[in-house]
């Protein structure tokens, strides 16, 4: 038998246990032992490891282009949480992007598909079900593009052919994806469909242009189809209104860096980044949100509930003071020496 431990050794073992699990030791122990037995880095890593949130689930992810894409982060996190996935994007995006690298990392396939083409979507759903050997559990729609934005056409001078393409790619494709999946009975009961939106669907944000119209339509589709699919198969359909995020598509919006800075100053928690958005989306894929549907869910650090923050007001006041100097004082204005 091993010799009995001294009181000092027993207390030390107990303290290690508390520290390595991230909890504070009982009163009287913390100060004595924390500096002597700092938290084990390996224990911290273990604490942050995946929890098999999506173990046994299978899903289809649209829109991963490169490591900056929210869809890319969702794919990585879904696999880390135990899910199997299939990736898809347009043939052009597959050639230009890095999705094949992601597929290799996630041990899966990439099926090319234009989400505006019903024929392509039918083939995609068939290939996805073939890969999984049956139905699957979740879909992420992370698709958005405006030719008016790309071409610098302002909202009061839209090209209507471009507008039609914006709506088709960024919103109507969502309806097509859901409709094809439903007709093919591709999703298991209590499955989850999520699309990424933005607060410009509800509020005017300078420079977001006709993408605001597309996001409004996207959210309406989630509500309308959410009732039908929920009633029939208990399928949940939600949109996530994410903070402005520097993805490849997001960076195409005029004044994106200023918009991100403004949102960050306004939000009590700051902007949510792509990794945090992925975590939120995974929760919506999980069984913990089985009764959440037809919702537009804000994931924006509190921005959507703010009117004016102290940080934003401070920046505004500094700008006003500088403009006053420019207007009235030498050498900026008409003032005298």
C-alpha atoms as a PDB file:
ATOM      1  CA  UNK A   1       0.000   0.000   0.000  1.00  0.00           C
ATOM      2  CA  UNK A   2       1.167   3.526  -0.757  1.00  0.00           C
ATOM      3  CA  UNK A   3       1.921   5.693   2.275  1.00  0.00           C
ATOM      4  CA  UNK A   4      -0.825   8.058   3.403  1.00  0.00           C
ATOM      5  CA  UNK A   5      -0.558  11.576   2.021  1.00  0.00           C
ATOM      6  CA  UNK A   6       0.129  14.458   4.321  1.00  0.00           C
ATOM      7  CA  UNK A   7      -2.489  17.153   4.752  1.00  0.00           C
ATOM      8  CA  UNK A   8      -0.319  19.477   2.666  1.00  0.00           C
ATOM      9  CA  UNK A   9      -0.119  16.946  -0.204  1.00  0.00           C
ATOM     10  CA  UNK A  10      -3.860  16.246  -0.103  1.00  0.00           C
ATOM     11  CA  UNK A  11      -4.663  19.932  -0.221  1.00  0.00           C
ATOM     12  CA  UNK A  12      -2.264  20.394  -3.146  1.00  0.00           C
ATOM     13  CA  UNK A  13      -3.899  17.554  -5.125  1.00  0.00           C
ATOM     14  CA  UNK A  14      -7.310  19.023  -4.439  1.00  0.00           C
ATOM     15  CA  UNK A  15      -6.215  22.460  -5.578  1.00  0.00           C
ATOM     16  CA  UNK A  16      -4.723  21.073  -8.803  1.00  0.00           C
ATOM     17  CA  UNK A  17      -8.054  19.422  -9.544  1.00  0.00           C
ATOM     18  CA  UNK A  18      -9.946  22.675  -9.142  1.00  0.00           C
ATOM     19  CA  UNK A  19      -7.481  24.808 -11.054  1.00  0.00           C
ATOM     20  CA  UNK A  20      -7.238  22.418 -14.006  1.00  0.00           C
ATOM     21  CA  UNK A  21     -11.003  22.239 -14.414  1.00  0.00           C
ATOM     22  CA  UNK A  22     -11.251  26.012 -14.466  1.00  0.00           C
ATOM     23  CA  UNK A  23     -12.982  26.299 -11.084  1.00  0.00           C
ATOM     24  CA  UNK A  24     -11.833  28.265  -8.066  1.00  0.00           C
ATOM     25  CA  UNK A  25     -10.696  26.153  -5.075  1.00  0.00           C
ATOM     26  CA  UNK A  26     -12.631  26.442  -1.816  1.00  0.00           C
ATOM     27  CA  UNK A  27     -11.977  29.425   0.413  1.00  0.00           C
ATOM     28  CA  UNK A  28      -8.625  29.309   2.112  1.00  0.00           C
ATOM     29  CA  UNK A  29      -6.951  27.156  -0.547  1.00  0.00           C
ATOM     30  CA  UNK A  30      -6.795  29.521  -3.510  1.00  0.00           C
ATOM     31  CA  UNK A  31      -4.104  31.890  -2.327  1.00  0.00           C
ATOM     32  CA  UNK A  32      -1.894  29.159  -0.892  1.00  0.00           C
ATOM     33  CA  UNK A  33      -1.650  26.985  -3.962  1.00  0.00           C
ATOM     34  CA  UNK A  34      -2.605  28.764  -7.174  1.00  0.00           C
ATOM     35  CA  UNK A  35       0.787  30.404  -7.663  1.00  0.00           C
ATOM     36  CA  UNK A  36       2.525  27.126  -6.834  1.00  0.00           C
ATOM     37  CA  UNK A  37       0.290  25.012  -9.084  1.00  0.00           C
ATOM     38  CA  UNK A  38      -0.739  27.158 -12.050  1.00  0.00           C
ATOM     39  CA  UNK A  39      -3.350  25.875 -14.477  1.00  0.00           C
ATOM     40  CA  UNK A  40      -2.060  23.068 -16.686  1.00  0.00           C
ATOM     41  CA  UNK A  41      -2.038  24.232 -20.358  1.00  0.00           C
ATOM     42  CA  UNK A  42      -3.069  20.749 -21.455  1.00  0.00           C
ATOM     43  CA  UNK A  43      -6.083  20.921 -19.155  1.00  0.00           C
ATOM     44  CA  UNK A  44      -7.048  24.289 -20.630  1.00  0.00           C
ATOM     45  CA  UNK A  45      -6.790  22.836 -24.119  1.00  0.00           C
ATOM     46  CA  UNK A  46      -8.940  19.893 -23.103  1.00  0.00           C
ATOM     47  CA  UNK A  47     -11.527  22.259 -21.662  1.00  0.00           C
ATOM     48  CA  UNK A  48     -11.802  24.008 -25.039  1.00  0.00           C
ATOM     49  CA  UNK A  49     -12.101  20.806 -27.041  1.00  0.00           C
ATOM     50  CA  UNK A  50     -15.266  19.895 -28.933  1.00  0.00           C
ATOM     51  CA  UNK A  51     -18.234  18.483 -27.046  1.00  0.00           C
ATOM     52  CA  UNK A  52     -19.705  16.330 -29.850  1.00  0.00           C
ATOM     53  CA  UNK A  53     -22.575  18.790 -30.154  1.00  0.00           C
ATOM     54  CA  UNK A  54     -23.415  17.458 -33.621  1.00  0.00           C
ATOM     55  CA  UNK A  55     -22.362  13.851 -33.183  1.00  0.00           C
ATOM     56  CA  UNK A  56     -24.213  11.641 -35.663  1.00  0.00           C
ATOM     57  CA  UNK A  57     -25.563  14.561 -37.694  1.00  0.00           C
ATOM     58  CA  UNK A  58     -24.955  15.211 -41.381  1.00  0.00           C
ATOM     59  CA  UNK A  59     -25.241  18.449 -43.275  1.00  0.00           C
ATOM     60  CA  UNK A  60     -24.793  20.428 -46.477  1.00  0.00           C
ATOM     61  CA  UNK A  61     -22.860  23.710 -46.438  1.00  0.00           C
ATOM     62  CA  UNK A  62     -23.137  26.344 -49.176  1.00  0.00           C
ATOM     63  CA  UNK A  63     -20.699  29.180 -49.721  1.00  0.00           C
ATOM     64  CA  UNK A  64     -17.268  28.303 -48.317  1.00  0.00           C
ATOM     65  CA  UNK A  65     -14.730  30.128 -50.496  1.00  0.00           C
ATOM     66  CA  UNK A  66     -11.643  30.628 -48.329  1.00  0.00           C
ATOM     67  CA  UNK A  67     -10.633  30.721 -44.694  1.00  0.00           C
ATOM     68  CA  UNK A  68     -12.278  34.128 -44.256  1.00  0.00           C
ATOM     69  CA  UNK A  69     -15.717  32.739 -45.133  1.00  0.00           C
ATOM     70  CA  UNK A  70     -18.205  32.178 -42.332  1.00  0.00           C
ATOM     71  CA  UNK A  71     -19.256  28.982 -44.133  1.00  0.00           C
ATOM     72  CA  UNK A  72     -15.642  27.802 -43.929  1.00  0.00           C
ATOM     73  CA  UNK A  73     -15.622  28.319 -40.164  1.00  0.00           C
ATOM     74  CA  UNK A  74     -18.983  26.549 -39.834  1.00  0.00           C
ATOM     75  CA  UNK A  75     -17.653  23.575 -41.794  1.00  0.00           C
ATOM     76  CA  UNK A  76     -14.559  23.273 -39.605  1.00  0.00           C
ATOM     77  CA  UNK A  77     -16.507  23.598 -36.385  1.00  0.00           C
ATOM     78  CA  UNK A  78     -19.264  21.207 -37.492  1.00  0.00           C
ATOM     79  CA  UNK A  79     -16.737  18.469 -38.219  1.00  0.00           C
ATOM     80  CA  UNK A  80     -14.942  19.171 -34.930  1.00  0.00           C
ATOM     81  CA  UNK A  81     -18.291  18.715 -33.172  1.00  0.00           C
ATOM     82  CA  UNK A  82     -18.829  15.299 -34.716  1.00  0.00           C
ATOM     83  CA  UNK A  83     -20.821  16.065 -37.869  1.00  0.00           C
ATOM     84  CA  UNK A  84     -20.301  14.792 -41.393  1.00  0.00           C
ATOM     85  CA  UNK A  85     -20.650  17.390 -44.128  1.00  0.00           C
ATOM     86  CA  UNK A  86     -20.821  17.922 -47.882  1.00  0.00           C
ATOM     87  CA  UNK A  87     -19.520  21.194 -49.336  1.00  0.00           C
ATOM     88  CA  UNK A  88     -20.837  23.043 -52.362  1.00  0.00           C
ATOM     89  CA  UNK A  89     -20.174  26.215 -54.294  1.00  0.00           C
ATOM     90  CA  UNK A  90     -20.367  27.413 -57.889  1.00  0.00           C
ATOM     91  CA  UNK A  91     -17.831  25.958 -60.341  1.00  0.00           C
ATOM     92  CA  UNK A  92     -16.194  29.386 -60.711  1.00  0.00           C
ATOM     93  CA  UNK A  93     -15.881  29.814 -56.943  1.00  0.00           C
ATOM     94  CA  UNK A  94     -14.414  26.327 -56.627  1.00  0.00           C
ATOM     95  CA  UNK A  95     -11.740  27.184 -59.197  1.00  0.00           C
ATOM     96  CA  UNK A  96     -10.966  30.590 -57.690  1.00  0.00           C
ATOM     97  CA  UNK A  97     -11.248  29.654 -54.022  1.00  0.00           C
ATOM     98  CA  UNK A  98      -9.716  27.107 -51.688  1.00  0.00           C
ATOM     99  CA  UNK A  99     -12.697  24.873 -50.957  1.00  0.00           C
ATOM    100  CA  UNK A 100     -10.917  21.703 -52.074  1.00  0.00           C
ATOM    101  CA  UNK A 101      -8.360  22.289 -49.324  1.00  0.00           C
ATOM    102  CA  UNK A 102     -11.226  22.538 -46.833  1.00  0.00           C
ATOM    103  CA  UNK A 103     -12.789  19.350 -48.176  1.00  0.00           C
ATOM    104  CA  UNK A 104      -9.531  17.475 -47.685  1.00  0.00           C
ATOM    105  CA  UNK A 105      -9.266  18.772 -44.144  1.00  0.00           C
ATOM    106  CA  UNK A 106     -12.870  17.763 -43.400  1.00  0.00           C
ATOM    107  CA  UNK A 107     -12.591  14.397 -45.173  1.00  0.00           C
ATOM    108  CA  UNK A 108     -15.492  15.091 -47.488  1.00  0.00           C
ATOM    109  CA  UNK A 109     -16.493  15.899 -51.056  1.00  0.00           C
ATOM    110  CA  UNK A 110     -17.265  19.082 -52.963  1.00  0.00           C
ATOM    111  CA  UNK A 111     -20.268  19.042 -55.300  1.00  0.00           C
ATOM    112  CA  UNK A 112     -20.318  21.955 -57.777  1.00  0.00           C
ATOM    113  CA  UNK A 113     -23.700  23.667 -58.016  1.00  0.00           C
ATOM    114  CA  UNK A 114     -25.177  26.999 -59.016  1.00  0.00           C
ATOM    115  CA  UNK A 115     -27.718  27.688 -56.280  1.00  0.00           C
ATOM    116  CA  UNK A 116     -29.885  29.655 -58.728  1.00  0.00           C
ATOM    117  CA  UNK A 117     -30.307  26.558 -60.929  1.00  0.00           C
ATOM    118  CA  UNK A 118     -33.008  24.101 -59.838  1.00  0.00           C
ATOM    119  CA  UNK A 119     -31.403  21.425 -62.015  1.00  0.00           C
ATOM    120  CA  UNK A 120     -28.044  21.910 -60.289  1.00  0.00           C
ATOM    121  CA  UNK A 121     -29.710  21.822 -56.876  1.00  0.00           C
ATOM    122  CA  UNK A 122     -31.555  18.596 -57.680  1.00  0.00           C
ATOM    123  CA  UNK A 123     -28.260  16.998 -58.664  1.00  0.00           C
ATOM    124  CA  UNK A 124     -26.600  18.398 -55.533  1.00  0.00           C
ATOM    125  CA  UNK A 125     -29.248  16.999 -53.194  1.00  0.00           C
ATOM    126  CA  UNK A 126     -29.089  13.615 -54.939  1.00  0.00           C
ATOM    127  CA  UNK A 127     -25.289  13.511 -54.665  1.00  0.00           C
ATOM    128  CA  UNK A 128     -25.416  14.595 -51.029  1.00  0.00           C
ATOM    129  CA  UNK A 129     -27.918  11.872 -50.102  1.00  0.00           C
ATOM    130  CA  UNK A 130     -25.856   9.345 -52.039  1.00  0.00           C
ATOM    131  CA  UNK A 131     -22.730  10.376 -50.127  1.00  0.00           C
ATOM    132  CA  UNK A 132     -24.475  10.114 -46.756  1.00  0.00           C
ATOM    133  CA  UNK A 133     -26.426   6.998 -47.645  1.00  0.00           C
ATOM    134  CA  UNK A 134     -29.741   8.683 -46.959  1.00  0.00           C
ATOM    135  CA  UNK A 135     -31.252  11.805 -45.463  1.00  0.00           C
ATOM    136  CA  UNK A 136     -29.304  14.483 -43.641  1.00  0.00           C
ATOM    137  CA  UNK A 137     -29.910  16.957 -40.826  1.00  0.00           C
ATOM    138  CA  UNK A 138     -28.880  20.524 -41.615  1.00  0.00           C
ATOM    139  CA  UNK A 139     -28.220  23.056 -44.359  1.00  0.00           C
ATOM    140  CA  UNK A 140     -26.283  26.322 -44.229  1.00  0.00           C
ATOM    141  CA  UNK A 141     -27.076  28.947 -46.888  1.00  0.00           C
ATOM    142  CA  UNK A 142     -24.172  31.406 -46.932  1.00  0.00           C
ATOM    143  CA  UNK A 143     -24.602  32.991 -50.354  1.00  0.00           C
ATOM    144  CA  UNK A 144     -24.741  36.642 -51.336  1.00  0.00           C
ATOM    145  CA  UNK A 145     -23.639  38.822 -54.231  1.00  0.00           C
ATOM    146  CA  UNK A 146     -24.700  42.119 -55.813  1.00  0.00           C
ATOM    147  CA  UNK A 147     -23.554  43.173 -59.252  1.00  0.00           C
ATOM    148  CA  UNK A 148     -24.797  46.694 -58.502  1.00  0.00           C
ATOM    149  CA  UNK A 149     -22.417  46.830 -55.547  1.00  0.00           C
ATOM    150  CA  UNK A 150     -19.585  45.370 -57.578  1.00  0.00           C
ATOM    151  CA  UNK A 151     -20.153  47.825 -60.429  1.00  0.00           C
ATOM    152  CA  UNK A 152     -20.532  50.830 -58.142  1.00  0.00           C
ATOM    153  CA  UNK A 153     -24.184  51.491 -59.004  1.00  0.00           C
ATOM    154  CA  UNK A 154     -25.878  53.422 -56.207  1.00  0.00           C
ATOM    155  CA  UNK A 155     -29.360  52.599 -54.925  1.00  0.00           C
ATOM    156  CA  UNK A 156     -30.946  55.521 -56.798  1.00  0.00           C
ATOM    157  CA  UNK A 157     -29.351  54.385 -60.055  1.00  0.00           C
ATOM    158  CA  UNK A 158     -29.744  50.593 -60.030  1.00  0.00           C
ATOM    159  CA  UNK A 159     -29.388  48.394 -63.066  1.00  0.00           C
ATOM    160  CA  UNK A 160     -32.549  46.295 -62.843  1.00  0.00           C
ATOM    161  CA  UNK A 161     -31.009  43.286 -64.552  1.00  0.00           C
ATOM    162  CA  UNK A 162     -28.308  43.400 -61.881  1.00  0.00           C
ATOM    163  CA  UNK A 163     -31.008  43.749 -59.204  1.00  0.00           C
ATOM    164  CA  UNK A 164     -32.771  40.641 -60.488  1.00  0.00           C
ATOM    165  CA  UNK A 165     -29.483  38.737 -60.249  1.00  0.00           C
ATOM    166  CA  UNK A 166     -28.879  40.073 -56.720  1.00  0.00           C
ATOM    167  CA  UNK A 167     -32.271  38.823 -55.545  1.00  0.00           C
ATOM    168  CA  UNK A 168     -31.909  35.481 -57.325  1.00  0.00           C
ATOM    169  CA  UNK A 169     -28.430  34.737 -55.968  1.00  0.00           C
ATOM    170  CA  UNK A 170     -28.799  36.183 -52.474  1.00  0.00           C
ATOM    171  CA  UNK A 171     -32.406  35.321 -51.574  1.00  0.00           C
ATOM    172  CA  UNK A 172     -34.447  33.358 -54.107  1.00  0.00           C
ATOM    173  CA  UNK A 173     -31.716  30.708 -54.142  1.00  0.00           C
ATOM    174  CA  UNK A 174     -32.648  30.093 -50.485  1.00  0.00           C
ATOM    175  CA  UNK A 175     -36.229  29.323 -51.534  1.00  0.00           C
ATOM    176  CA  UNK A 176     -34.964  27.032 -54.292  1.00  0.00           C
ATOM    177  CA  UNK A 177     -32.685  25.116 -51.916  1.00  0.00           C
ATOM    178  CA  UNK A 178     -35.498  24.550 -49.419  1.00  0.00           C
ATOM    179  CA  UNK A 179     -38.051  23.657 -52.089  1.00  0.00           C
ATOM    180  CA  UNK A 180     -35.779  21.089 -53.738  1.00  0.00           C
ATOM    181  CA  UNK A 181     -34.823  19.567 -50.367  1.00  0.00           C
ATOM    182  CA  UNK A 182     -38.498  19.309 -49.385  1.00  0.00           C
ATOM    183  CA  UNK A 183     -39.618  17.764 -52.670  1.00  0.00           C
ATOM    184  CA  UNK A 184     -36.869  15.161 -52.409  1.00  0.00           C
ATOM    185  CA  UNK A 185     -37.624  14.582 -48.705  1.00  0.00           C
ATOM    186  CA  UNK A 186     -33.924  15.063 -48.074  1.00  0.00           C
ATOM    187  CA  UNK A 187     -33.967  16.173 -44.425  1.00  0.00           C
ATOM    188  CA  UNK A 188     -34.582  14.140 -41.308  1.00  0.00           C
ATOM    189  CA  UNK A 189     -37.338  15.254 -38.951  1.00  0.00           C
ATOM    190  CA  UNK A 190     -36.226  18.002 -36.556  1.00  0.00           C
ATOM    191  CA  UNK A 191     -33.594  19.077 -39.062  1.00  0.00           C
ATOM    192  CA  UNK A 192     -32.350  22.675 -39.227  1.00  0.00           C
ATOM    193  CA  UNK A 193     -31.839  25.161 -42.062  1.00  0.00           C
ATOM    194  CA  UNK A 194     -29.934  28.409 -41.435  1.00  0.00           C
ATOM    195  CA  UNK A 195     -29.200  31.375 -43.710  1.00  0.00           C
ATOM    196  CA  UNK A 196     -26.959  34.339 -42.973  1.00  0.00           C
ATOM    197  CA  UNK A 197     -28.555  37.789 -42.972  1.00  0.00           C
ATOM    198  CA  UNK A 198     -27.725  41.336 -41.895  1.00  0.00           C
ATOM    199  CA  UNK A 199     -29.467  44.153 -40.016  1.00  0.00           C
ATOM    200  CA  UNK A 200     -29.720  46.195 -43.234  1.00  0.00           C
ATOM    201  CA  UNK A 201     -32.816  44.077 -43.925  1.00  0.00           C
ATOM    202  CA  UNK A 202     -34.522  46.248 -41.279  1.00  0.00           C
ATOM    203  CA  UNK A 203     -32.531  49.473 -41.119  1.00  0.00           C
ATOM    204  CA  UNK A 204     -30.979  51.659 -43.760  1.00  0.00           C
ATOM    205  CA  UNK A 205     -27.204  51.418 -43.826  1.00  0.00           C
ATOM    206  CA  UNK A 206     -25.435  53.605 -46.321  1.00  0.00           C
ATOM    207  CA  UNK A 207     -23.610  51.630 -48.990  1.00  0.00           C
ATOM    208  CA  UNK A 208     -25.351  48.276 -48.466  1.00  0.00           C
ATOM    209  CA  UNK A 209     -27.440  49.011 -51.536  1.00  0.00           C
ATOM    210  CA  UNK A 210     -29.772  46.380 -53.044  1.00  0.00           C
ATOM    211  CA  UNK A 211     -28.308  43.687 -50.784  1.00  0.00           C
ATOM    212  CA  UNK A 212     -30.620  45.131 -48.111  1.00  0.00           C
ATOM    213  CA  UNK A 213     -33.613  44.218 -50.277  1.00  0.00           C
ATOM    214  CA  UNK A 214     -32.183  40.737 -50.781  1.00  0.00           C
ATOM    215  CA  UNK A 215     -31.717  40.180 -47.048  1.00  0.00           C
ATOM    216  CA  UNK A 216     -35.278  41.329 -46.338  1.00  0.00           C
ATOM    217  CA  UNK A 217     -36.568  38.786 -48.851  1.00  0.00           C
ATOM    218  CA  UNK A 218     -34.290  36.104 -47.411  1.00  0.00           C
ATOM    219  CA  UNK A 219     -35.765  36.566 -43.938  1.00  0.00           C
ATOM    220  CA  UNK A 220     -39.305  36.512 -45.321  1.00  0.00           C
ATOM    221  CA  UNK A 221     -38.612  33.189 -47.053  1.00  0.00           C
ATOM    222  CA  UNK A 222     -37.398  31.729 -43.744  1.00  0.00           C
ATOM    223  CA  UNK A 223     -40.661  32.693 -42.077  1.00  0.00           C
ATOM    224  CA  UNK A 224     -42.950  31.535 -44.885  1.00  0.00           C
ATOM    225  CA  UNK A 225     -41.221  28.216 -45.534  1.00  0.00           C
ATOM    226  CA  UNK A 226     -40.570  27.764 -41.822  1.00  0.00           C
ATOM    227  CA  UNK A 227     -44.305  27.385 -41.241  1.00  0.00           C
ATOM    228  CA  UNK A 228     -44.750  24.842 -44.048  1.00  0.00           C
ATOM    229  CA  UNK A 229     -41.682  22.699 -43.350  1.00  0.00           C
ATOM    230  CA  UNK A 230     -42.143  22.927 -39.600  1.00  0.00           C
ATOM    231  CA  UNK A 231     -45.751  21.797 -39.748  1.00  0.00           C
ATOM    232  CA  UNK A 232     -44.939  18.864 -42.016  1.00  0.00           C
ATOM    233  CA  UNK A 233     -41.546  17.596 -40.844  1.00  0.00           C
ATOM    234  CA  UNK A 234     -40.598  19.655 -37.783  1.00  0.00           C
ATOM    235  CA  UNK A 235     -37.844  21.246 -39.859  1.00  0.00           C
ATOM    236  CA  UNK A 236     -36.579  24.519 -38.347  1.00  0.00           C
ATOM    237  CA  UNK A 237     -35.701  27.462 -40.585  1.00  0.00           C
ATOM    238  CA  UNK A 238     -33.947  30.533 -39.173  1.00  0.00           C
ATOM    239  CA  UNK A 239     -31.749  33.407 -40.272  1.00  0.00           C
ATOM    240  CA  UNK A 240     -28.778  34.776 -38.338  1.00  0.00           C
ATOM    241  CA  UNK A 241     -28.218  38.521 -38.537  1.00  0.00           C
ATOM    242  CA  UNK A 242     -24.461  38.687 -38.110  1.00  0.00           C
ATOM    243  CA  UNK A 243     -22.172  41.635 -37.320  1.00  0.00           C
ATOM    244  CA  UNK A 244     -20.405  43.127 -40.343  1.00  0.00           C
ATOM    245  CA  UNK A 245     -17.695  40.577 -41.061  1.00  0.00           C
ATOM    246  CA  UNK A 246     -14.658  40.969 -43.368  1.00  0.00           C
ATOM    247  CA  UNK A 247     -15.427  38.068 -45.678  1.00  0.00           C
ATOM    248  CA  UNK A 248     -14.652  38.214 -49.402  1.00  0.00           C
ATOM    249  CA  UNK A 249     -18.253  39.240 -50.114  1.00  0.00           C
ATOM    250  CA  UNK A 250     -18.433  41.639 -47.168  1.00  0.00           C
ATOM    251  CA  UNK A 251     -15.332  43.507 -48.236  1.00  0.00           C
ATOM    252  CA  UNK A 252     -17.089  44.407 -51.475  1.00  0.00           C
ATOM    253  CA  UNK A 253     -19.526  46.669 -49.615  1.00  0.00           C
ATOM    254  CA  UNK A 254     -18.656  50.362 -49.881  1.00  0.00           C
ATOM    255  CA  UNK A 255     -17.116  51.690 -46.658  1.00  0.00           C
ATOM    256  CA  UNK A 256     -16.956  48.239 -45.057  1.00  0.00           C
ATOM    257  CA  UNK A 257     -14.037  49.065 -42.745  1.00  0.00           C
ATOM    258  CA  UNK A 258     -15.789  52.208 -41.455  1.00  0.00           C
ATOM    259  CA  UNK A 259     -19.019  50.259 -41.036  1.00  0.00           C
ATOM    260  CA  UNK A 260     -17.219  47.626 -38.982  1.00  0.00           C
ATOM    261  CA  UNK A 261     -15.599  50.298 -36.814  1.00  0.00           C
ATOM    262  CA  UNK A 262     -18.928  52.043 -36.233  1.00  0.00           C
ATOM    263  CA  UNK A 263     -20.707  48.779 -35.355  1.00  0.00           C
ATOM    264  CA  UNK A 264     -17.910  47.805 -32.996  1.00  0.00           C
ATOM    265  CA  UNK A 265     -18.112  51.157 -31.180  1.00  0.00           C
ATOM    266  CA  UNK A 266     -21.890  50.894 -30.927  1.00  0.00           C
ATOM    267  CA  UNK A 267     -22.041  47.285 -29.700  1.00  0.00           C
ATOM    268  CA  UNK A 268     -21.648  46.727 -25.947  1.00  0.00           C
ATOM    269  CA  UNK A 269     -19.946  43.386 -26.623  1.00  0.00           C
ATOM    270  CA  UNK A 270     -18.191  44.455 -29.812  1.00  0.00           C
ATOM    271  CA  UNK A 271     -18.594  42.860 -33.224  1.00  0.00           C
ATOM    272  CA  UNK A 272     -19.035  39.105 -33.432  1.00  0.00           C
ATOM    273  CA  UNK A 273     -16.359  37.533 -35.613  1.00  0.00           C
ATOM    274  CA  UNK A 274     -16.680  34.646 -38.074  1.00  0.00           C
ATOM    275  CA  UNK A 275     -15.617  31.979 -35.558  1.00  0.00           C
ATOM    276  CA  UNK A 276     -18.191  33.172 -33.038  1.00  0.00           C
ATOM    277  CA  UNK A 277     -20.853  33.182 -35.728  1.00  0.00           C
ATOM    278  CA  UNK A 278     -19.959  29.590 -36.564  1.00  0.00           C
ATOM    279  CA  UNK A 279     -20.455  28.582 -32.935  1.00  0.00           C
ATOM    280  CA  UNK A 280     -23.882  30.221 -32.923  1.00  0.00           C
ATOM    281  CA  UNK A 281     -24.909  28.500 -36.164  1.00  0.00           C
ATOM    282  CA  UNK A 282     -23.832  25.147 -34.735  1.00  0.00           C
ATOM    283  CA  UNK A 283     -26.127  25.686 -31.771  1.00  0.00           C
ATOM    284  CA  UNK A 284     -28.995  26.183 -34.234  1.00  0.00           C
ATOM    285  CA  UNK A 285     -28.062  22.922 -35.938  1.00  0.00           C
ATOM    286  CA  UNK A 286     -28.047  21.113 -32.606  1.00  0.00           C
ATOM    287  CA  UNK A 287     -30.866  19.504 -30.644  1.00  0.00           C
ATOM    288  CA  UNK A 288     -30.667  22.303 -28.068  1.00  0.00           C
ATOM    289  CA  UNK A 289     -32.755  24.567 -30.353  1.00  0.00           C
ATOM    290  CA  UNK A 290     -35.445  22.117 -31.484  1.00  0.00           C
ATOM    291  CA  UNK A 291     -38.255  24.611 -30.863  1.00  0.00           C
ATOM    292  CA  UNK A 292     -36.604  27.661 -32.426  1.00  0.00           C
ATOM    293  CA  UNK A 293     -37.896  28.401 -35.915  1.00  0.00           C
ATOM    294  CA  UNK A 294     -39.031  31.205 -38.247  1.00  0.00           C
ATOM    295  CA  UNK A 295     -36.769  33.631 -36.372  1.00  0.00           C
ATOM    296  CA  UNK A 296     -34.262  36.249 -37.412  1.00  0.00           C
ATOM    297  CA  UNK A 297     -31.686  35.917 -34.645  1.00  0.00           C
ATOM    298  CA  UNK A 298     -29.282  38.784 -34.015  1.00  0.00           C
ATOM    299  CA  UNK A 299     -25.669  37.815 -33.430  1.00  0.00           C
ATOM    300  CA  UNK A 300     -24.121  41.259 -33.338  1.00  0.00           C
ATOM    301  CA  UNK A 301     -22.828  42.053 -29.865  1.00  0.00           C
ATOM    302  CA  UNK A 302     -25.969  44.039 -29.046  1.00  0.00           C
ATOM    303  CA  UNK A 303     -25.742  46.451 -32.000  1.00  0.00           C
ATOM    304  CA  UNK A 304     -29.348  45.808 -33.084  1.00  0.00           C
ATOM    305  CA  UNK A 305     -30.716  47.131 -29.765  1.00  0.00           C
ATOM    306  CA  UNK A 306     -28.542  50.246 -29.556  1.00  0.00           C
ATOM    307  CA  UNK A 307     -29.314  53.852 -30.379  1.00  0.00           C
ATOM    308  CA  UNK A 308     -26.051  55.544 -29.429  1.00  0.00           C
ATOM    309  CA  UNK A 309     -23.111  54.346 -27.364  1.00  0.00           C
ATOM    310  CA  UNK A 310     -20.655  56.472 -25.406  1.00  0.00           C
ATOM    311  CA  UNK A 311     -17.775  55.358 -27.640  1.00  0.00           C
ATOM    312  CA  UNK A 312     -19.652  56.238 -30.812  1.00  0.00           C
ATOM    313  CA  UNK A 313     -20.741  59.602 -29.378  1.00  0.00           C
ATOM    314  CA  UNK A 314     -17.166  60.398 -28.384  1.00  0.00           C
ATOM    315  CA  UNK A 315     -15.966  59.757 -31.936  1.00  0.00           C
ATOM    316  CA  UNK A 316     -18.829  61.865 -33.316  1.00  0.00           C
ATOM    317  CA  UNK A 317     -18.023  64.762 -30.993  1.00  0.00           C
ATOM    318  CA  UNK A 318     -14.336  64.696 -31.970  1.00  0.00           C
ATOM    319  CA  UNK A 319     -15.328  64.798 -35.614  1.00  0.00           C
ATOM    320  CA  UNK A 320     -17.666  67.750 -34.985  1.00  0.00           C
ATOM    321  CA  UNK A 321     -14.947  69.610 -33.116  1.00  0.00           C
ATOM    322  CA  UNK A 322     -12.504  69.116 -35.982  1.00  0.00           C
ATOM    323  CA  UNK A 323     -15.063  70.337 -38.537  1.00  0.00           C
ATOM    324  CA  UNK A 324     -15.633  73.437 -36.383  1.00  0.00           C
ATOM    325  CA  UNK A 325     -11.890  74.131 -36.429  1.00  0.00           C
ATOM    326  CA  UNK A 326     -11.765  73.687 -40.195  1.00  0.00           C
ATOM    327  CA  UNK A 327     -14.658  76.096 -40.696  1.00  0.00           C
ATOM    328  CA  UNK A 328     -13.772  78.888 -38.300  1.00  0.00           C
ATOM    329  CA  UNK A 329     -10.066  78.875 -37.419  1.00  0.00           C
ATOM    330  CA  UNK A 330      -6.883  79.696 -39.284  1.00  0.00           C
ATOM    331  CA  UNK A 331      -5.312  78.112 -41.232  1.00  0.00           C
ATOM    332  CA  UNK A 332      -8.301  75.904 -42.089  1.00  0.00           C
ATOM    333  CA  UNK A 333     -10.994  78.571 -42.341  1.00  0.00           C
ATOM    334  CA  UNK A 334     -11.298  82.298 -42.812  1.00  0.00           C
ATOM    335  CA  UNK A 335      -9.896  83.288 -39.422  1.00  0.00           C
ATOM    336  CA  UNK A 336      -7.198  85.926 -39.067  1.00  0.00           C
ATOM    337  CA  UNK A 337      -3.659  85.445 -37.863  1.00  0.00           C
END
